Amino acid sequence: MGTEKLNTEVRQEQIAQAALGLVGSQGMKGLSMGAVALRLGLVPSALYRHFRNKDQVIEAILDLLRERLLGNVSKVCHETSDPLERLQRVLMRHIKLIRENQGLIRVIFSEEVHHGHPERKARVYKTIKGYLDALAEIVHQGQQEGVIRPDVDPGTISVMFLGLIQPGAILWHLSEGKFDVTKQAERSWKIFCAAIMLEKPAADQGAVTQED
């Protein structure tokens, strides 16, 4: 009995994931249709049934990036209703995404990806902006519930949140994984959380009662 053929959507995601892994290990210069096919154990012609060329594979990687980032936000919003807990879980999911997909950093910041492709550059910006907007919505919710400071713009907080990730991710990438980006994120979160939390008046924190 022959193996069951994967549907188009699943196969395209597999190709994009394999291409991302290739970029992580060999950089953008190592990305080719033949190399991706070899990584998947396929003949190159199998890839051309899904993507006409390398540019379309890069587009698929960018689609994968958008789906993973926004998917993480959606998942944590179903896991918990607490705004601060949501932000913390998004942070750790983002770090996990980077650790498991080293090629993401190279794709996002690669001149080869953006040069001569203003629409692709705009697409990456739109993805990141959409991610920031989703984070800002969580912050806004926290402000409405009285757990996050209302005197700071949600969009500003979301950009600061992203700042908890990128420097550590770059150091992790440059050190070939020696820099502990997970521990850095955990430590940074504590400082960030303390900075955005709304401090309640002492009277609102509950008084200790004594039994007669």
N, C-alpha and C. Protein backbone atom coordinates (compact mmCIF):
# COMPACT_ATOMS: atom_id res chain seq x y z
N MET A 1 0.86 -1.19 0.00
CA MET A 1 0.00 0.00 0.00
C MET A 1 0.89 1.23 0.00
N GLY A 2 0.64 2.17 -0.91
CA GLY A 2 1.44 3.36 -1.01
C GLY A 2 1.18 4.30 0.15
N THR A 3 2.16 5.14 0.41
CA THR A 3 1.98 6.12 1.49
C THR A 3 0.95 7.15 1.08
N GLU A 4 0.18 7.57 2.05
CA GLU A 4 -0.88 8.55 1.78
C GLU A 4 -0.27 9.91 1.48
N LYS A 5 -0.73 10.52 0.44
CA LYS A 5 -0.20 11.83 0.06
C LYS A 5 -0.67 12.91 1.02
N LEU A 6 0.28 13.74 1.40
CA LEU A 6 -0.08 14.85 2.27
C LEU A 6 -0.84 15.89 1.48
N ASN A 7 -1.78 16.57 2.13
CA ASN A 7 -2.51 17.60 1.41
C ASN A 7 -1.58 18.79 1.15
N THR A 8 -1.99 19.63 0.27
CA THR A 8 -1.15 20.74 -0.20
C THR A 8 -0.72 21.66 0.94
N GLU A 9 -1.65 22.01 1.79
CA GLU A 9 -1.35 22.95 2.87
C GLU A 9 -0.28 22.40 3.82
N VAL A 10 -0.43 21.14 4.19
CA VAL A 10 0.54 20.52 5.10
C VAL A 10 1.90 20.41 4.43
N ARG A 11 1.93 20.00 3.17
CA ARG A 11 3.20 19.86 2.46
C ARG A 11 3.89 21.22 2.31
N GLN A 12 3.13 22.25 2.02
CA GLN A 12 3.72 23.58 1.88
C GLN A 12 4.33 24.06 3.20
N GLU A 13 3.66 23.75 4.31
CA GLU A 13 4.20 24.13 5.61
C GLU A 13 5.48 23.35 5.90
N GLN A 14 5.51 22.08 5.52
CA GLN A 14 6.71 21.27 5.71
C GLN A 14 7.88 21.84 4.92
N ILE A 15 7.60 22.27 3.70
CA ILE A 15 8.64 22.84 2.85
C ILE A 15 9.17 24.14 3.46
N ALA A 16 8.24 24.98 3.93
CA ALA A 16 8.64 26.25 4.55
C ALA A 16 9.47 26.00 5.80
N GLN A 17 9.07 25.01 6.60
CA GLN A 17 9.81 24.69 7.83
C GLN A 17 11.20 24.15 7.50
N ALA A 18 11.29 23.32 6.48
CA ALA A 18 12.59 22.79 6.07
C ALA A 18 13.49 23.91 5.55
N ALA A 19 12.90 24.83 4.79
CA ALA A 19 13.66 25.96 4.27
C ALA A 19 14.16 26.83 5.41
N LEU A 20 13.34 27.03 6.42
CA LEU A 20 13.73 27.82 7.58
C LEU A 20 14.88 27.15 8.32
N GLY A 21 14.81 25.84 8.45
CA GLY A 21 15.90 25.10 9.09
C GLY A 21 17.20 25.22 8.30
N LEU A 22 17.08 25.21 7.00
CA LEU A 22 18.25 25.34 6.13
C LEU A 22 18.89 26.72 6.29
N VAL A 23 18.05 27.75 6.36
CA VAL A 23 18.56 29.11 6.58
C VAL A 23 19.26 29.20 7.93
N GLY A 24 18.70 28.53 8.92
CA GLY A 24 19.30 28.55 10.25
C GLY A 24 20.68 27.94 10.28
N SER A 25 20.91 26.90 9.50
CA SER A 25 22.20 26.20 9.51
C SER A 25 23.19 26.72 8.48
N GLN A 26 22.67 27.24 7.36
CA GLN A 26 23.57 27.63 6.27
C GLN A 26 23.40 29.08 5.82
N GLY A 27 22.45 29.80 6.38
CA GLY A 27 22.24 31.17 5.96
C GLY A 27 21.42 31.24 4.69
N MET A 28 21.07 32.45 4.28
CA MET A 28 20.25 32.64 3.09
C MET A 28 20.94 32.13 1.83
N LYS A 29 22.25 32.20 1.80
CA LYS A 29 22.99 31.74 0.62
C LYS A 29 22.87 30.23 0.43
N GLY A 30 22.57 29.52 1.49
CA GLY A 30 22.43 28.07 1.38
C GLY A 30 21.03 27.63 0.99
N LEU A 31 20.12 28.60 0.84
CA LEU A 31 18.74 28.26 0.50
C LEU A 31 18.58 28.09 -1.00
N SER A 32 18.14 26.92 -1.40
CA SER A 32 17.85 26.64 -2.81
C SER A 32 16.77 25.56 -2.86
N MET A 33 16.12 25.45 -3.99
CA MET A 33 15.07 24.45 -4.13
C MET A 33 15.65 23.05 -3.97
N GLY A 34 16.83 22.83 -4.55
CA GLY A 34 17.47 21.52 -4.46
C GLY A 34 17.83 21.16 -3.04
N ALA A 35 18.36 22.15 -2.30
CA ALA A 35 18.77 21.89 -0.92
C ALA A 35 17.56 21.60 -0.03
N VAL A 36 16.47 22.31 -0.25
CA VAL A 36 15.26 22.06 0.53
C VAL A 36 14.71 20.67 0.23
N ALA A 37 14.71 20.30 -1.06
CA ALA A 37 14.23 18.97 -1.45
C ALA A 37 15.07 17.88 -0.79
N LEU A 38 16.39 18.08 -0.78
CA LEU A 38 17.29 17.10 -0.17
C LEU A 38 17.02 16.97 1.32
N ARG A 39 16.75 18.09 1.96
CA ARG A 39 16.49 18.09 3.40
C ARG A 39 15.22 17.31 3.73
N LEU A 40 14.25 17.35 2.82
CA LEU A 40 12.98 16.65 3.02
C LEU A 40 12.99 15.23 2.47
N GLY A 41 14.08 14.87 1.76
CA GLY A 41 14.14 13.55 1.15
C GLY A 41 13.25 13.43 -0.07
N LEU A 42 13.09 14.55 -0.78
CA LEU A 42 12.25 14.58 -1.98
C LEU A 42 13.09 14.91 -3.21
N VAL A 43 12.53 14.65 -4.37
CA VAL A 43 13.17 15.11 -5.61
C VAL A 43 12.75 16.56 -5.82
N PRO A 44 13.60 17.40 -6.41
CA PRO A 44 13.26 18.82 -6.61
C PRO A 44 11.92 19.05 -7.30
N SER A 45 11.58 18.16 -8.23
CA SER A 45 10.31 18.36 -8.96
C SER A 45 9.11 18.33 -8.03
N ALA A 46 9.23 17.64 -6.89
CA ALA A 46 8.13 17.59 -5.93
C ALA A 46 7.87 18.96 -5.32
N LEU A 47 8.94 19.74 -5.14
CA LEU A 47 8.79 21.09 -4.59
C LEU A 47 8.12 22.02 -5.59
N TYR A 48 8.45 21.84 -6.87
CA TYR A 48 7.92 22.74 -7.89
C TYR A 48 6.42 22.56 -8.11
N ARG A 49 5.86 21.51 -7.56
CA ARG A 49 4.41 21.36 -7.61
C ARG A 49 3.73 22.32 -6.63
N HIS A 50 4.52 22.84 -5.66
CA HIS A 50 3.97 23.74 -4.64
C HIS A 50 4.50 25.17 -4.76
N PHE A 51 5.75 25.30 -5.19
CA PHE A 51 6.36 26.63 -5.29
C PHE A 51 7.14 26.72 -6.61
N ARG A 52 6.96 27.84 -7.29
CA ARG A 52 7.62 27.99 -8.59
C ARG A 52 9.12 28.24 -8.45
N ASN A 53 9.53 28.91 -7.37
CA ASN A 53 10.94 29.27 -7.22
C ASN A 53 11.26 29.57 -5.76
N LYS A 54 12.52 29.95 -5.52
CA LYS A 54 12.98 30.22 -4.16
C LYS A 54 12.24 31.41 -3.55
N ASP A 55 11.91 32.40 -4.35
CA ASP A 55 11.20 33.57 -3.83
C ASP A 55 9.87 33.17 -3.21
N GLN A 56 9.18 32.24 -3.83
CA GLN A 56 7.90 31.80 -3.26
C GLN A 56 8.11 31.02 -1.97
N VAL A 57 9.23 30.33 -1.86
CA VAL A 57 9.54 29.61 -0.61
C VAL A 57 9.80 30.63 0.50
N ILE A 58 10.50 31.72 0.18
CA ILE A 58 10.75 32.77 1.16
C ILE A 58 9.43 33.37 1.62
N GLU A 59 8.51 33.57 0.68
CA GLU A 59 7.19 34.09 1.03
C GLU A 59 6.49 33.13 1.99
N ALA A 60 6.66 31.84 1.76
CA ALA A 60 6.04 30.84 2.64
C ALA A 60 6.65 30.88 4.04
N ILE A 61 7.95 31.16 4.11
CA ILE A 61 8.60 31.30 5.42
C ILE A 61 8.01 32.49 6.16
N LEU A 62 7.78 33.58 5.45
CA LEU A 62 7.20 34.77 6.08
C LEU A 62 5.77 34.49 6.54
N ASP A 63 5.04 33.70 5.77
CA ASP A 63 3.69 33.30 6.19
C ASP A 63 3.77 32.47 7.47
N LEU A 64 4.76 31.58 7.52
CA LEU A 64 4.94 30.73 8.69
C LEU A 64 5.26 31.57 9.93
N LEU A 65 6.08 32.59 9.74
CA LEU A 65 6.43 33.50 10.83
C LEU A 65 5.18 34.17 11.38
N ARG A 66 4.35 34.70 10.49
CA ARG A 66 3.12 35.37 10.92
C ARG A 66 2.20 34.42 11.66
N GLU A 67 2.03 33.22 11.13
CA GLU A 67 1.14 32.25 11.76
C GLU A 67 1.62 31.84 13.14
N ARG A 68 2.94 31.68 13.29
CA ARG A 68 3.47 31.25 14.58
C ARG A 68 3.36 32.36 15.62
N LEU A 69 3.70 33.58 15.25
CA LEU A 69 3.64 34.70 16.19
C LEU A 69 2.21 34.96 16.66
N LEU A 70 1.31 35.13 15.71
CA LEU A 70 -0.08 35.43 16.07
C LEU A 70 -0.76 34.20 16.68
N GLY A 71 -0.32 33.02 16.26
CA GLY A 71 -0.86 31.79 16.83
C GLY A 71 -0.51 31.67 18.30
N ASN A 72 0.69 32.09 18.66
CA ASN A 72 1.10 32.06 20.06
C ASN A 72 0.22 32.95 20.92
N VAL A 73 -0.09 34.14 20.41
CA VAL A 73 -0.96 35.05 21.14
C VAL A 73 -2.33 34.44 21.32
N SER A 74 -2.87 33.86 20.26
CA SER A 74 -4.19 33.25 20.32
C SER A 74 -4.22 32.10 21.32
N LYS A 75 -3.17 31.29 21.35
CA LYS A 75 -3.13 30.14 22.26
C LYS A 75 -3.12 30.58 23.72
N VAL A 76 -2.28 31.56 24.04
CA VAL A 76 -2.19 31.96 25.45
C VAL A 76 -3.48 32.65 25.90
N CYS A 77 -4.17 33.31 24.98
CA CYS A 77 -5.43 33.96 25.34
C CYS A 77 -6.51 32.92 25.65
N HIS A 78 -6.36 31.71 25.11
CA HIS A 78 -7.29 30.63 25.44
C HIS A 78 -6.86 29.90 26.70
N GLU A 79 -5.58 30.01 27.04
CA GLU A 79 -5.06 29.31 28.22
C GLU A 79 -5.36 30.04 29.52
N THR A 80 -5.34 31.36 29.48
CA THR A 80 -5.55 32.15 30.70
C THR A 80 -6.20 33.48 30.36
N SER A 81 -6.93 34.03 31.32
CA SER A 81 -7.57 35.34 31.12
C SER A 81 -6.79 36.45 31.80
N ASP A 82 -5.76 36.11 32.56
CA ASP A 82 -4.97 37.11 33.27
C ASP A 82 -4.01 37.81 32.31
N PRO A 83 -4.11 39.14 32.17
CA PRO A 83 -3.29 39.87 31.19
C PRO A 83 -1.78 39.71 31.40
N LEU A 84 -1.33 39.79 32.64
CA LEU A 84 0.11 39.66 32.89
C LEU A 84 0.58 38.24 32.61
N GLU A 85 -0.24 37.27 32.97
CA GLU A 85 0.10 35.88 32.68
C GLU A 85 0.14 35.65 31.17
N ARG A 86 -0.76 36.28 30.46
CA ARG A 86 -0.76 36.17 29.00
C ARG A 86 0.54 36.70 28.41
N LEU A 87 0.94 37.87 28.87
CA LEU A 87 2.17 38.47 28.34
C LEU A 87 3.38 37.59 28.65
N GLN A 88 3.43 37.07 29.86
CA GLN A 88 4.56 36.22 30.23
C GLN A 88 4.60 34.95 29.38
N ARG A 89 3.44 34.37 29.14
CA ARG A 89 3.40 33.14 28.33
C ARG A 89 3.76 33.42 26.87
N VAL A 90 3.32 34.57 26.36
CA VAL A 90 3.70 34.94 24.99
C VAL A 90 5.21 35.09 24.91
N LEU A 91 5.79 35.73 25.91
CA LEU A 91 7.24 35.92 25.94
C LEU A 91 7.97 34.59 25.86
N MET A 92 7.59 33.65 26.69
CA MET A 92 8.30 32.37 26.72
C MET A 92 8.03 31.55 25.46
N ARG A 93 6.84 31.67 24.90
CA ARG A 93 6.57 30.99 23.63
C ARG A 93 7.41 31.60 22.50
N HIS A 94 7.59 32.90 22.54
CA HIS A 94 8.41 33.57 21.52
C HIS A 94 9.85 33.10 21.62
N ILE A 95 10.36 33.02 22.84
CA ILE A 95 11.73 32.55 23.04
C ILE A 95 11.88 31.11 22.54
N LYS A 96 10.91 30.28 22.83
CA LYS A 96 10.92 28.89 22.37
C LYS A 96 10.91 28.84 20.85
N LEU A 97 10.12 29.70 20.22
CA LEU A 97 10.04 29.76 18.77
C LEU A 97 11.41 30.09 18.17
N ILE A 98 12.10 31.04 18.77
CA ILE A 98 13.42 31.43 18.28
C ILE A 98 14.43 30.31 18.47
N ARG A 99 14.40 29.70 19.64
CA ARG A 99 15.36 28.62 19.92
C ARG A 99 15.18 27.44 18.97
N GLU A 100 13.94 27.18 18.58
CA GLU A 100 13.67 26.05 17.70
C GLU A 100 13.77 26.40 16.22
N ASN A 101 13.88 27.70 15.93
CA ASN A 101 13.94 28.15 14.53
C ASN A 101 14.96 29.27 14.40
N GLN A 102 16.24 28.90 14.46
CA GLN A 102 17.30 29.90 14.42
C GLN A 102 17.26 30.72 13.13
N GLY A 103 16.71 30.14 12.08
CA GLY A 103 16.66 30.85 10.81
C GLY A 103 15.77 32.08 10.82
N LEU A 104 14.85 32.19 11.79
CA LEU A 104 13.94 33.34 11.84
C LEU A 104 14.70 34.66 11.93
N ILE A 105 15.72 34.71 12.77
CA ILE A 105 16.49 35.94 12.93
C ILE A 105 17.17 36.31 11.62
N ARG A 106 17.73 35.31 10.95
CA ARG A 106 18.41 35.56 9.69
C ARG A 106 17.45 36.04 8.61
N VAL A 107 16.27 35.47 8.59
CA VAL A 107 15.28 35.86 7.57
C VAL A 107 14.81 37.30 7.80
N ILE A 108 14.46 37.61 9.04
CA ILE A 108 13.91 38.93 9.35
C ILE A 108 14.90 40.05 9.04
N PHE A 109 16.18 39.81 9.36
CA PHE A 109 17.17 40.87 9.21
C PHE A 109 18.04 40.72 7.96
N SER A 110 17.75 39.75 7.12
CA SER A 110 18.57 39.52 5.93
C SER A 110 18.31 40.56 4.85
N GLU A 111 19.38 41.18 4.38
CA GLU A 111 19.26 42.14 3.29
C GLU A 111 18.82 41.42 2.01
N GLU A 112 19.20 40.16 1.88
CA GLU A 112 18.82 39.40 0.70
C GLU A 112 17.31 39.21 0.62
N VAL A 113 16.67 39.13 1.77
CA VAL A 113 15.22 38.97 1.81
C VAL A 113 14.52 40.26 1.38
N HIS A 114 15.05 41.40 1.85
CA HIS A 114 14.38 42.68 1.64
C HIS A 114 14.85 43.44 0.39
N HIS A 115 16.11 43.29 0.01
CA HIS A 115 16.67 44.09 -1.07
C HIS A 115 15.94 43.82 -2.39
N GLY A 116 15.45 44.89 -2.97
CA GLY A 116 14.74 44.77 -4.25
C GLY A 116 13.33 44.25 -4.11
N HIS A 117 12.87 44.08 -2.88
CA HIS A 117 11.52 43.57 -2.64
C HIS A 117 10.81 44.45 -1.62
N PRO A 118 10.46 45.68 -1.98
CA PRO A 118 9.80 46.56 -1.01
C PRO A 118 8.50 45.99 -0.48
N GLU A 119 7.80 45.21 -1.30
CA GLU A 119 6.54 44.61 -0.85
C GLU A 119 6.81 43.55 0.22
N ARG A 120 7.94 42.86 0.11
CA ARG A 120 8.29 41.85 1.10
C ARG A 120 8.69 42.53 2.42
N LYS A 121 9.42 43.63 2.30
CA LYS A 121 9.82 44.39 3.48
C LYS A 121 8.57 44.90 4.20
N ALA A 122 7.61 45.40 3.42
CA ALA A 122 6.36 45.88 3.99
C ALA A 122 5.58 44.74 4.63
N ARG A 123 5.71 43.57 4.07
CA ARG A 123 5.00 42.40 4.60
C ARG A 123 5.55 42.01 5.97
N VAL A 124 6.87 42.04 6.11
CA VAL A 124 7.49 41.73 7.40
C VAL A 124 7.06 42.76 8.44
N TYR A 125 7.05 44.04 8.01
CA TYR A 125 6.62 45.10 8.93
C TYR A 125 5.18 44.89 9.36
N LYS A 126 4.33 44.51 8.43
CA LYS A 126 2.92 44.30 8.74
C LYS A 126 2.75 43.15 9.74
N THR A 127 3.55 42.11 9.58
CA THR A 127 3.49 40.98 10.50
C THR A 127 3.88 41.40 11.91
N ILE A 128 5.00 42.10 12.02
CA ILE A 128 5.48 42.54 13.33
C ILE A 128 4.51 43.54 13.94
N LYS A 129 3.97 44.45 13.11
CA LYS A 129 3.01 45.44 13.60
C LYS A 129 1.74 44.74 14.09
N GLY A 130 1.29 43.72 13.38
CA GLY A 130 0.11 42.98 13.81
C GLY A 130 0.35 42.27 15.14
N TYR A 131 1.56 41.77 15.32
CA TYR A 131 1.95 41.11 16.57
C TYR A 131 1.94 42.13 17.71
N LEU A 132 2.52 43.29 17.46
CA LEU A 132 2.55 44.35 18.47
C LEU A 132 1.14 44.82 18.82
N ASP A 133 0.28 44.92 17.83
CA ASP A 133 -1.10 45.34 18.07
C ASP A 133 -1.83 44.32 18.95
N ALA A 134 -1.55 43.03 18.72
CA ALA A 134 -2.19 41.99 19.54
C ALA A 134 -1.69 42.06 20.98
N LEU A 135 -0.41 42.35 21.15
CA LEU A 135 0.14 42.51 22.50
C LEU A 135 -0.44 43.75 23.17
N ALA A 136 -0.57 44.83 22.39
CA ALA A 136 -1.14 46.07 22.93
C ALA A 136 -2.57 45.86 23.41
N GLU A 137 -3.30 45.00 22.73
CA GLU A 137 -4.68 44.71 23.13
C GLU A 137 -4.70 44.00 24.49
N ILE A 138 -3.73 43.12 24.72
CA ILE A 138 -3.62 42.46 26.03
C ILE A 138 -3.30 43.49 27.10
N VAL A 139 -2.40 44.41 26.78
CA VAL A 139 -2.04 45.47 27.73
C VAL A 139 -3.26 46.33 28.04
N HIS A 140 -4.00 46.69 27.00
CA HIS A 140 -5.20 47.51 27.18
C HIS A 140 -6.20 46.81 28.09
N GLN A 141 -6.35 45.52 27.90
CA GLN A 141 -7.24 44.73 28.76
C GLN A 141 -6.76 44.82 30.21
N GLY A 142 -5.45 44.71 30.41
CA GLY A 142 -4.90 44.79 31.75
C GLY A 142 -5.12 46.14 32.39
N GLN A 143 -5.07 47.18 31.57
CA GLN A 143 -5.34 48.53 32.08
C GLN A 143 -6.80 48.66 32.50
N GLN A 144 -7.69 48.11 31.71
CA GLN A 144 -9.11 48.17 32.04
C GLN A 144 -9.44 47.38 33.31
N GLU A 145 -8.69 46.32 33.54
CA GLU A 145 -8.93 45.49 34.72
C GLU A 145 -8.18 46.00 35.95
N GLY A 146 -7.38 47.05 35.76
CA GLY A 146 -6.70 47.65 36.89
C GLY A 146 -5.45 46.92 37.36
N VAL A 147 -4.82 46.15 36.48
CA VAL A 147 -3.59 45.44 36.87
C VAL A 147 -2.35 46.00 36.17
N ILE A 148 -2.56 46.79 35.12
CA ILE A 148 -1.45 47.42 34.40
C ILE A 148 -1.62 48.93 34.44
N ARG A 149 -0.52 49.62 34.62
CA ARG A 149 -0.56 51.08 34.73
C ARG A 149 -1.31 51.71 33.55
N PRO A 150 -2.24 52.62 33.83
CA PRO A 150 -3.01 53.25 32.77
C PRO A 150 -2.32 54.47 32.16
N ASP A 151 -1.20 54.89 32.74
CA ASP A 151 -0.55 56.12 32.30
C ASP A 151 0.48 55.90 31.20
N VAL A 152 0.57 54.67 30.68
CA VAL A 152 1.52 54.36 29.62
C VAL A 152 0.75 53.83 28.41
N ASP A 153 1.10 54.32 27.25
CA ASP A 153 0.43 53.89 26.02
C ASP A 153 0.65 52.40 25.78
N PRO A 154 -0.41 51.63 25.49
CA PRO A 154 -0.28 50.20 25.26
C PRO A 154 0.69 49.85 24.13
N GLY A 155 0.68 50.68 23.08
CA GLY A 155 1.60 50.44 21.97
C GLY A 155 3.05 50.57 22.40
N THR A 156 3.32 51.53 23.27
CA THR A 156 4.68 51.72 23.77
C THR A 156 5.11 50.51 24.60
N ILE A 157 4.20 50.01 25.43
CA ILE A 157 4.52 48.84 26.25
C ILE A 157 4.79 47.62 25.36
N SER A 158 4.02 47.48 24.28
CA SER A 158 4.21 46.32 23.40
C SER A 158 5.58 46.35 22.71
N VAL A 159 6.03 47.55 22.33
CA VAL A 159 7.36 47.67 21.73
C VAL A 159 8.44 47.36 22.76
N MET A 160 8.24 47.85 23.99
CA MET A 160 9.18 47.54 25.07
C MET A 160 9.22 46.04 25.33
N PHE A 161 8.07 45.39 25.23
CA PHE A 161 7.98 43.94 25.40
C PHE A 161 8.86 43.23 24.37
N LEU A 162 8.79 43.69 23.14
CA LEU A 162 9.60 43.09 22.08
C LEU A 162 11.09 43.29 22.38
N GLY A 163 11.40 44.38 23.08
CA GLY A 163 12.77 44.64 23.48
C GLY A 163 13.30 43.65 24.50
N LEU A 164 12.41 42.90 25.16
CA LEU A 164 12.85 41.86 26.08
C LEU A 164 13.42 40.67 25.31
N ILE A 165 13.08 40.58 24.03
CA ILE A 165 13.40 39.39 23.24
C ILE A 165 14.59 39.59 22.30
N GLN A 166 14.56 40.66 21.51
CA GLN A 166 15.53 40.79 20.42
C GLN A 166 16.99 40.82 20.84
N PRO A 167 17.39 41.65 21.84
CA PRO A 167 18.82 41.67 22.21
C PRO A 167 19.33 40.30 22.65
N GLY A 168 18.56 39.63 23.49
CA GLY A 168 18.97 38.30 23.96
C GLY A 168 19.01 37.30 22.82
N ALA A 169 18.05 37.40 21.89
CA ALA A 169 18.01 36.48 20.75
C ALA A 169 19.24 36.68 19.86
N ILE A 170 19.63 37.93 19.68
CA ILE A 170 20.81 38.21 18.85
C ILE A 170 22.07 37.67 19.52
N LEU A 171 22.20 37.87 20.82
CA LEU A 171 23.35 37.35 21.56
C LEU A 171 23.38 35.81 21.51
N TRP A 172 22.21 35.20 21.64
CA TRP A 172 22.10 33.75 21.55
C TRP A 172 22.56 33.28 20.17
N HIS A 173 22.13 33.99 19.14
CA HIS A 173 22.49 33.64 17.76
C HIS A 173 23.99 33.80 17.52
N LEU A 174 24.55 34.92 17.96
CA LEU A 174 25.98 35.19 17.74
C LEU A 174 26.88 34.24 18.52
N SER A 175 26.38 33.79 19.67
CA SER A 175 27.20 32.90 20.52
C SER A 175 26.99 31.43 20.18
N GLU A 176 26.26 31.16 19.11
CA GLU A 176 25.95 29.78 18.71
C GLU A 176 25.25 29.02 19.83
N GLY A 177 24.35 29.72 20.53
CA GLY A 177 23.54 29.08 21.55
C GLY A 177 24.13 29.08 22.93
N LYS A 178 25.33 29.64 23.09
CA LYS A 178 25.95 29.66 24.42
C LYS A 178 25.27 30.64 25.37
N PHE A 179 24.79 31.75 24.84
CA PHE A 179 24.08 32.73 25.67
C PHE A 179 22.71 32.17 26.02
N ASP A 180 22.38 32.17 27.31
CA ASP A 180 21.11 31.59 27.77
C ASP A 180 19.98 32.60 27.59
N VAL A 181 19.35 32.56 26.43
CA VAL A 181 18.31 33.53 26.10
C VAL A 181 17.05 33.29 26.94
N THR A 182 16.81 32.05 27.33
CA THR A 182 15.63 31.74 28.15
C THR A 182 15.76 32.35 29.53
N LYS A 183 16.91 32.16 30.16
CA LYS A 183 17.13 32.72 31.49
C LYS A 183 17.10 34.25 31.44
N GLN A 184 17.67 34.81 30.37
CA GLN A 184 17.66 36.26 30.22
C GLN A 184 16.23 36.79 30.13
N ALA A 185 15.39 36.09 29.40
CA ALA A 185 13.99 36.49 29.25
C ALA A 185 13.26 36.40 30.59
N GLU A 186 13.53 35.37 31.34
CA GLU A 186 12.88 35.20 32.64
C GLU A 186 13.26 36.33 33.60
N ARG A 187 14.55 36.69 33.61
CA ARG A 187 15.00 37.77 34.47
C ARG A 187 14.46 39.12 34.01
N SER A 188 14.46 39.33 32.71
CA SER A 188 13.96 40.59 32.17
C SER A 188 12.47 40.76 32.44
N TRP A 189 11.74 39.64 32.38
CA TRP A 189 10.30 39.71 32.62
C TRP A 189 9.99 40.25 34.01
N LYS A 190 10.73 39.82 35.01
CA LYS A 190 10.48 40.26 36.37
C LYS A 190 10.61 41.78 36.49
N ILE A 191 11.62 42.34 35.84
CA ILE A 191 11.83 43.79 35.87
C ILE A 191 10.73 44.50 35.09
N PHE A 192 10.42 43.96 33.91
CA PHE A 192 9.39 44.54 33.04
C PHE A 192 8.03 44.50 33.72
N CYS A 193 7.70 43.37 34.32
CA CYS A 193 6.41 43.21 34.98
C CYS A 193 6.26 44.20 36.13
N ALA A 194 7.33 44.34 36.92
CA ALA A 194 7.29 45.28 38.05
C ALA A 194 7.09 46.71 37.57
N ALA A 195 7.62 47.01 36.38
CA ALA A 195 7.53 48.37 35.84
C ALA A 195 6.14 48.72 35.31
N ILE A 196 5.42 47.73 34.79
CA ILE A 196 4.12 48.03 34.19
C ILE A 196 2.95 47.74 35.11
N MET A 197 3.19 47.01 36.18
CA MET A 197 2.10 46.69 37.11
C MET A 197 1.59 47.93 37.81
N LEU A 198 0.31 47.97 38.03
CA LEU A 198 -0.30 49.06 38.78
C LEU A 198 -0.22 48.74 40.26
N GLU A 199 0.49 49.58 40.99
CA GLU A 199 0.61 49.36 42.43
C GLU A 199 -0.67 49.80 43.12
N LYS A 200 -1.24 48.89 43.88
CA LYS A 200 -2.48 49.21 44.59
C LYS A 200 -2.16 49.89 45.91
N PRO A 201 -3.01 50.81 46.32
CA PRO A 201 -2.82 51.44 47.64
C PRO A 201 -2.81 50.38 48.72
N ALA A 202 -2.07 50.67 49.79
CA ALA A 202 -1.95 49.69 50.88
C ALA A 202 -3.30 49.26 51.41
N ALA A 203 -4.27 50.19 51.45
CA ALA A 203 -5.60 49.89 51.98
C ALA A 203 -6.32 48.87 51.12
N ASP A 204 -5.96 48.83 49.80
CA ASP A 204 -6.64 47.92 48.88
C ASP A 204 -6.02 46.53 48.86
N GLN A 205 -4.89 46.37 49.54
CA GLN A 205 -4.19 45.11 49.50
C GLN A 205 -4.69 44.14 50.57
N GLY A 206 -5.65 44.63 51.35
CA GLY A 206 -6.24 43.73 52.35
C GLY A 206 -5.55 43.89 53.68
N ALA A 207 -6.33 44.10 54.70
CA ALA A 207 -5.77 44.25 56.05
C ALA A 207 -5.79 42.93 56.77
N VAL A 208 -4.84 42.74 57.66
CA VAL A 208 -4.78 41.53 58.45
C VAL A 208 -5.76 41.65 59.59
N THR A 209 -6.65 40.72 59.68
CA THR A 209 -7.66 40.78 60.76
C THR A 209 -7.26 39.84 61.88
N GLN A 210 -7.60 40.20 63.07
CA GLN A 210 -7.30 39.38 64.24
C GLN A 210 -8.61 38.79 64.77
N GLU A 211 -8.52 37.53 65.11
CA GLU A 211 -9.70 36.87 65.65
C GLU A 211 -9.81 37.19 67.13
N ASP A 212 -11.03 37.37 67.59
CA ASP A 212 -11.27 37.63 69.01
C ASP A 212 -10.98 36.38 69.84
